[in-house]
Amino acid sequence: MALRRQGDRESRTDAKVPAPAEIATRLGIAEGELCVHTTCVFLADGKPVQLSTSWEPYAVIPINR
């Protein structure tokens, strides 16, 4: 029996965020080095079902600066 759900997501991305110590250690960069931080809330039928967060070193993001 398949359950039909309406999926969606809400996200927020902030560029040039200084890396906190724990994140810098995980990424192998210096504390305070600039990152892109994204948080997402995944929704099913308008209700949150999953949260995610990502940190990427700003230096490796392929964007026009």
PDB file of N, CA and C in Angstrom:
ATOM      1  N   MET A   1       0.839  -1.166   0.000  1.00  0.00           N
ATOM      2  CA  MET A   1       0.000   0.000   0.000  1.00  0.00           C
ATOM      3  C   MET A   1       0.893   1.242   0.000  1.00  0.00           C
ATOM      4  N   ALA A   2       0.806   2.037  -1.006  1.00  0.00           N
ATOM      5  CA  ALA A   2       1.605   3.262  -1.115  1.00  0.00           C
ATOM      6  C   ALA A   2       0.872   4.424  -0.446  1.00  0.00           C
ATOM      7  N   LEU A   3       1.621   5.178   0.340  1.00  0.00           N
ATOM      8  CA  LEU A   3       1.059   6.382   0.961  1.00  0.00           C
ATOM      9  C   LEU A   3       1.423   7.582   0.106  1.00  0.00           C
ATOM     10  N   ARG A   4       0.450   8.341  -0.274  1.00  0.00           N
ATOM     11  CA  ARG A   4       0.690   9.533  -1.092  1.00  0.00           C
ATOM     12  C   ARG A   4       0.848  10.734  -0.181  1.00  0.00           C
ATOM     13  N   ARG A   5       1.957  11.408  -0.315  1.00  0.00           N
ATOM     14  CA  ARG A   5       2.232  12.603   0.483  1.00  0.00           C
ATOM     15  C   ARG A   5       2.666  13.718  -0.466  1.00  0.00           C
ATOM     16  N   GLN A   6       2.326  14.937  -0.097  1.00  0.00           N
ATOM     17  CA  GLN A   6       2.787  16.104  -0.835  1.00  0.00           C
ATOM     18  C   GLN A   6       4.113  16.531  -0.226  1.00  0.00           C
ATOM     19  N   GLY A   7       5.205  16.413  -0.986  1.00  0.00           N
ATOM     20  CA  GLY A   7       6.531  16.768  -0.484  1.00  0.00           C
ATOM     21  C   GLY A   7       6.923  18.188  -0.855  1.00  0.00           C
ATOM     22  N   ASP A   8       7.693  18.797   0.022  1.00  0.00           N
ATOM     23  CA  ASP A   8       8.186  20.150  -0.216  1.00  0.00           C
ATOM     24  C   ASP A   8       9.395  20.360   0.683  1.00  0.00           C
ATOM     25  N   ARG A   9      10.045  21.476   0.534  1.00  0.00           N
ATOM     26  CA  ARG A   9      11.130  21.809   1.444  1.00  0.00           C
ATOM     27  C   ARG A   9      11.253  23.309   1.568  1.00  0.00           C
ATOM     28  N   GLU A  10      11.758  23.722   2.703  1.00  0.00           N
ATOM     29  CA  GLU A  10      12.078  25.123   2.952  1.00  0.00           C
ATOM     30  C   GLU A  10      13.570  25.161   3.256  1.00  0.00           C
ATOM     31  N   SER A  11      14.266  26.132   2.684  1.00  0.00           N
ATOM     32  CA  SER A  11      15.700  26.198   2.956  1.00  0.00           C
ATOM     33  C   SER A  11      16.155  27.639   3.108  1.00  0.00           C
ATOM     34  N   ARG A  12      17.290  27.759   3.773  1.00  0.00           N
ATOM     35  CA  ARG A  12      17.926  29.065   3.936  1.00  0.00           C
ATOM     36  C   ARG A  12      19.421  28.856   3.756  1.00  0.00           C
ATOM     37  N   THR A  13      20.028  29.701   2.932  1.00  0.00           N
ATOM     38  CA  THR A  13      21.472  29.643   2.696  1.00  0.00           C
ATOM     39  C   THR A  13      22.073  30.986   3.043  1.00  0.00           C
ATOM     40  N   ASP A  14      23.115  30.941   3.845  1.00  0.00           N
ATOM     41  CA  ASP A  14      23.870  32.137   4.204  1.00  0.00           C
ATOM     42  C   ASP A  14      25.301  31.962   3.728  1.00  0.00           C
ATOM     43  N   ALA A  15      25.791  32.925   2.961  1.00  0.00           N
ATOM     44  CA  ALA A  15      27.165  32.879   2.456  1.00  0.00           C
ATOM     45  C   ALA A  15      28.077  33.707   3.355  1.00  0.00           C
ATOM     46  N   LYS A  16      29.330  33.363   3.317  1.00  0.00           N
ATOM     47  CA  LYS A  16      30.375  34.086   4.051  1.00  0.00           C
ATOM     48  C   LYS A  16      30.147  34.068   5.561  1.00  0.00           C
ATOM     49  N   VAL A  17      29.836  32.883   6.088  1.00  0.00           N
ATOM     50  CA  VAL A  17      29.657  32.683   7.520  1.00  0.00           C
ATOM     51  C   VAL A  17      30.966  32.134   8.080  1.00  0.00           C
ATOM     52  N   PRO A  18      31.525  32.743   9.121  1.00  0.00           N
ATOM     53  CA  PRO A  18      32.758  32.215   9.707  1.00  0.00           C
ATOM     54  C   PRO A  18      32.521  30.812  10.301  1.00  0.00           C
ATOM     55  N   ALA A  19      33.421  29.899  10.013  1.00  0.00           N
ATOM     56  CA  ALA A  19      33.286  28.528  10.503  1.00  0.00           C
ATOM     57  C   ALA A  19      33.540  28.458  12.006  1.00  0.00           C
ATOM     58  N   PRO A  20      32.578  27.914  12.760  1.00  0.00           N
ATOM     59  CA  PRO A  20      32.840  27.657  14.182  1.00  0.00           C
ATOM     60  C   PRO A  20      33.929  26.584  14.313  1.00  0.00           C
ATOM     61  N   ALA A  21      34.534  26.490  15.485  1.00  0.00           N
ATOM     62  CA  ALA A  21      35.663  25.571  15.695  1.00  0.00           C
ATOM     63  C   ALA A  21      35.331  24.129  15.303  1.00  0.00           C
ATOM     64  N   GLU A  22      34.194  23.606  15.768  1.00  0.00           N
ATOM     65  CA  GLU A  22      33.844  22.211  15.480  1.00  0.00           C
ATOM     66  C   GLU A  22      33.671  21.964  13.980  1.00  0.00           C
ATOM     67  N   ILE A  23      33.046  22.896  13.290  1.00  0.00           N
ATOM     68  CA  ILE A  23      32.837  22.758  11.841  1.00  0.00           C
ATOM     69  C   ILE A  23      34.169  22.857  11.110  1.00  0.00           C
ATOM     70  N   ALA A  24      35.000  23.801  11.509  1.00  0.00           N
ATOM     71  CA  ALA A  24      36.314  23.961  10.875  1.00  0.00           C
ATOM     72  C   ALA A  24      37.130  22.678  11.000  1.00  0.00           C
ATOM     73  N   THR A  25      37.090  22.064  12.167  1.00  0.00           N
ATOM     74  CA  THR A  25      37.816  20.808  12.369  1.00  0.00           C
ATOM     75  C   THR A  25      37.309  19.731  11.425  1.00  0.00           C
ATOM     76  N   ARG A  26      35.996  19.599  11.315  1.00  0.00           N
ATOM     77  CA  ARG A  26      35.407  18.586  10.425  1.00  0.00           C
ATOM     78  C   ARG A  26      35.776  18.818   8.964  1.00  0.00           C
ATOM     79  N   LEU A  27      35.833  20.096   8.566  1.00  0.00           N
ATOM     80  CA  LEU A  27      36.119  20.429   7.165  1.00  0.00           C
ATOM     81  C   LEU A  27      37.620  20.513   6.865  1.00  0.00           C
ATOM     82  N   GLY A  28      38.434  20.498   7.906  1.00  0.00           N
ATOM     83  CA  GLY A  28      39.882  20.599   7.698  1.00  0.00           C
ATOM     84  C   GLY A  28      40.314  21.996   7.288  1.00  0.00           C
ATOM     85  N   ILE A  29      39.607  23.013   7.812  1.00  0.00           N
ATOM     86  CA  ILE A  29      39.942  24.405   7.513  1.00  0.00           C
ATOM     87  C   ILE A  29      40.196  25.132   8.828  1.00  0.00           C
ATOM     88  N   ALA A  30      40.657  26.355   8.733  1.00  0.00           N
ATOM     89  CA  ALA A  30      40.917  27.156   9.929  1.00  0.00           C
ATOM     90  C   ALA A  30      39.611  27.682  10.516  1.00  0.00           C
ATOM     91  N   GLU A  31      39.559  27.752  11.845  1.00  0.00           N
ATOM     92  CA  GLU A  31      38.410  28.350  12.514  1.00  0.00           C
ATOM     93  C   GLU A  31      38.234  29.780  12.008  1.00  0.00           C
ATOM     94  N   GLY A  32      37.007  30.159  11.708  1.00  0.00           N
ATOM     95  CA  GLY A  32      36.721  31.502  11.218  1.00  0.00           C
ATOM     96  C   GLY A  32      36.804  31.644   9.708  1.00  0.00           C
ATOM     97  N   GLU A  33      37.335  30.615   9.022  1.00  0.00           N
ATOM     98  CA  GLU A  33      37.378  30.670   7.563  1.00  0.00           C
ATOM     99  C   GLU A  33      35.941  30.727   7.042  1.00  0.00           C
ATOM    100  N   LEU A  34      35.729  31.453   5.966  1.00  0.00           N
ATOM    101  CA  LEU A  34      34.372  31.668   5.458  1.00  0.00           C
ATOM    102  C   LEU A  34      33.778  30.399   4.853  1.00  0.00           C
ATOM    103  N   CYS A  35      32.486  30.200   5.124  1.00  0.00           N
ATOM    104  CA  CYS A  35      31.738  29.040   4.639  1.00  0.00           C
ATOM    105  C   CYS A  35      30.384  29.480   4.100  1.00  0.00           C
ATOM    106  N   VAL A  36      29.751  28.560   3.410  1.00  0.00           N
ATOM    107  CA  VAL A  36      28.349  28.693   3.033  1.00  0.00           C
ATOM    108  C   VAL A  36      27.588  27.715   3.920  1.00  0.00           C
ATOM    109  N   HIS A  37      26.591  28.216   4.636  1.00  0.00           N
ATOM    110  CA  HIS A  37      25.815  27.407   5.590  1.00  0.00           C
ATOM    111  C   HIS A  37      24.380  27.321   5.091  1.00  0.00           C
ATOM    112  N   THR A  38      23.889  26.101   4.920  1.00  0.00           N
ATOM    113  CA  THR A  38      22.521  25.884   4.442  1.00  0.00           C
ATOM    114  C   THR A  38      21.761  25.007   5.424  1.00  0.00           C
ATOM    115  N   THR A  39      20.544  25.401   5.743  1.00  0.00           N
ATOM    116  CA  THR A  39      19.654  24.570   6.543  1.00  0.00           C
ATOM    117  C   THR A  39      18.387  24.299   5.731  1.00  0.00           C
ATOM    118  N   CYS A  40      17.886  23.073   5.818  1.00  0.00           N
ATOM    119  CA  CYS A  40      16.676  22.670   5.087  1.00  0.00           C
ATOM    120  C   CYS A  40      15.717  21.976   6.029  1.00  0.00           C
ATOM    121  N   VAL A  41      14.438  22.236   5.828  1.00  0.00           N
ATOM    122  CA  VAL A  41      13.370  21.502   6.494  1.00  0.00           C
ATOM    123  C   VAL A  41      12.587  20.817   5.374  1.00  0.00           C
ATOM    124  N   PHE A  42      12.556  19.492   5.410  1.00  0.00           N
ATOM    125  CA  PHE A  42      11.794  18.733   4.431  1.00  0.00           C
ATOM    126  C   PHE A  42      10.407  18.469   5.009  1.00  0.00           C
ATOM    127  N   LEU A  43       9.394  18.680   4.171  1.00  0.00           N
ATOM    128  CA  LEU A  43       8.002  18.608   4.619  1.00  0.00           C
ATOM    129  C   LEU A  43       7.243  17.498   3.893  1.00  0.00           C
ATOM    130  N   ALA A  44       6.315  16.890   4.602  1.00  0.00           N
ATOM    131  CA  ALA A  44       5.356  15.956   4.009  1.00  0.00           C
ATOM    132  C   ALA A  44       3.983  16.432   4.452  1.00  0.00           C
ATOM    133  N   ASP A  45       3.158  16.741   3.488  1.00  0.00           N
ATOM    134  CA  ASP A  45       1.831  17.289   3.781  1.00  0.00           C
ATOM    135  C   ASP A  45       1.923  18.522   4.683  1.00  0.00           C
ATOM    136  N   GLY A  46       2.964  19.328   4.466  1.00  0.00           N
ATOM    137  CA  GLY A  46       3.126  20.569   5.210  1.00  0.00           C
ATOM    138  C   GLY A  46       3.717  20.425   6.593  1.00  0.00           C
ATOM    139  N   LYS A  47       4.060  19.207   7.009  1.00  0.00           N
ATOM    140  CA  LYS A  47       4.622  18.973   8.335  1.00  0.00           C
ATOM    141  C   LYS A  47       6.088  18.578   8.220  1.00  0.00           C
ATOM    142  N   PRO A  48       6.942  19.100   9.102  1.00  0.00           N
ATOM    143  CA  PRO A  48       8.361  18.750   9.045  1.00  0.00           C
ATOM    144  C   PRO A  48       8.591  17.266   9.318  1.00  0.00           C
ATOM    145  N   VAL A  49       9.401  16.642   8.466  1.00  0.00           N
ATOM    146  CA  VAL A  49       9.741  15.232   8.647  1.00  0.00           C
ATOM    147  C   VAL A  49      11.248  14.994   8.707  1.00  0.00           C
ATOM    148  N   GLN A  50      12.039  15.977   8.259  1.00  0.00           N
ATOM    149  CA  GLN A  50      13.488  15.822   8.286  1.00  0.00           C
ATOM    150  C   GLN A  50      14.139  17.200   8.289  1.00  0.00           C
ATOM    151  N   LEU A  51      15.223  17.319   9.049  1.00  0.00           N
ATOM    152  CA  LEU A  51      16.017  18.536   9.087  1.00  0.00           C
ATOM    153  C   LEU A  51      17.413  18.216   8.578  1.00  0.00           C
ATOM    154  N   SER A  52      18.027  19.155   7.881  1.00  0.00           N
ATOM    155  CA  SER A  52      19.416  18.958   7.467  1.00  0.00           C
ATOM    156  C   SER A  52      20.159  20.287   7.516  1.00  0.00           C
ATOM    157  N   THR A  53      21.448  20.183   7.711  1.00  0.00           N
ATOM    158  CA  THR A  53      22.298  21.365   7.685  1.00  0.00           C
ATOM    159  C   THR A  53      23.586  21.002   6.969  1.00  0.00           C
ATOM    160  N   SER A  54      24.132  21.926   6.229  1.00  0.00           N
ATOM    161  CA  SER A  54      25.405  21.675   5.556  1.00  0.00           C
ATOM    162  C   SER A  54      26.304  22.892   5.673  1.00  0.00           C
ATOM    163  N   TRP A  55      27.589  22.615   5.709  1.00  0.00           N
ATOM    164  CA  TRP A  55      28.626  23.639   5.734  1.00  0.00           C
ATOM    165  C   TRP A  55      29.600  23.321   4.611  1.00  0.00           C
ATOM    166  N   GLU A  56      29.889  24.301   3.771  1.00  0.00           N
ATOM    167  CA  GLU A  56      30.848  24.123   2.681  1.00  0.00           C
ATOM    168  C   GLU A  56      31.839  25.280   2.723  1.00  0.00           C
ATOM    169  N   PRO A  57      33.126  24.984   2.608  1.00  0.00           N
ATOM    170  CA  PRO A  57      34.093  26.081   2.562  1.00  0.00           C
ATOM    171  C   PRO A  57      33.774  27.018   1.398  1.00  0.00           C
ATOM    172  N   TYR A  58      33.727  28.294   1.669  1.00  0.00           N
ATOM    173  CA  TYR A  58      33.382  29.281   0.646  1.00  0.00           C
ATOM    174  C   TYR A  58      34.355  29.224  -0.533  1.00  0.00           C
ATOM    175  N   ALA A  59      35.604  28.904  -0.255  1.00  0.00           N
ATOM    176  CA  ALA A  59      36.643  28.884  -1.291  1.00  0.00           C
ATOM    177  C   ALA A  59      36.376  27.844  -2.376  1.00  0.00           C
ATOM    178  N   VAL A  60      35.578  26.808  -2.102  1.00  0.00           N
ATOM    179  CA  VAL A  60      35.347  25.762  -3.116  1.00  0.00           C
ATOM    180  C   VAL A  60      34.005  25.891  -3.826  1.00  0.00           C
ATOM    181  N   ILE A  61      33.210  26.895  -3.483  1.00  0.00           N
ATOM    182  CA  ILE A  61      31.908  27.101  -4.116  1.00  0.00           C
ATOM    183  C   ILE A  61      32.123  27.798  -5.468  1.00  0.00           C
ATOM    184  N   PRO A  62      31.664  27.161  -6.565  1.00  0.00           N
ATOM    185  CA  PRO A  62      31.870  27.754  -7.899  1.00  0.00           C
ATOM    186  C   PRO A  62      30.823  28.834  -8.205  1.00  0.00           C
ATOM    187  N   ILE A  63      31.070  30.040  -7.713  1.00  0.00           N
ATOM    188  CA  ILE A  63      30.155  31.148  -7.962  1.00  0.00           C
ATOM    189  C   ILE A  63      30.949  32.363  -8.435  1.00  0.00           C
ATOM    190  N   ASN A  64      30.275  33.281  -9.054  1.00  0.00           N
ATOM    191  CA  ASN A  64      30.908  34.552  -9.427  1.00  0.00           C
ATOM    192  C   ASN A  64      31.090  35.378  -8.182  1.00  0.00           C
ATOM    193  N   ARG A  65      32.283  35.744  -7.870  1.00  0.00           N
ATOM    194  CA  ARG A  65      32.530  36.547  -6.676  1.00  0.00           C
ATOM    195  C   ARG A  65      32.903  37.934  -7.089  1.00  0.00           C
TER     196      ARG A  65
END
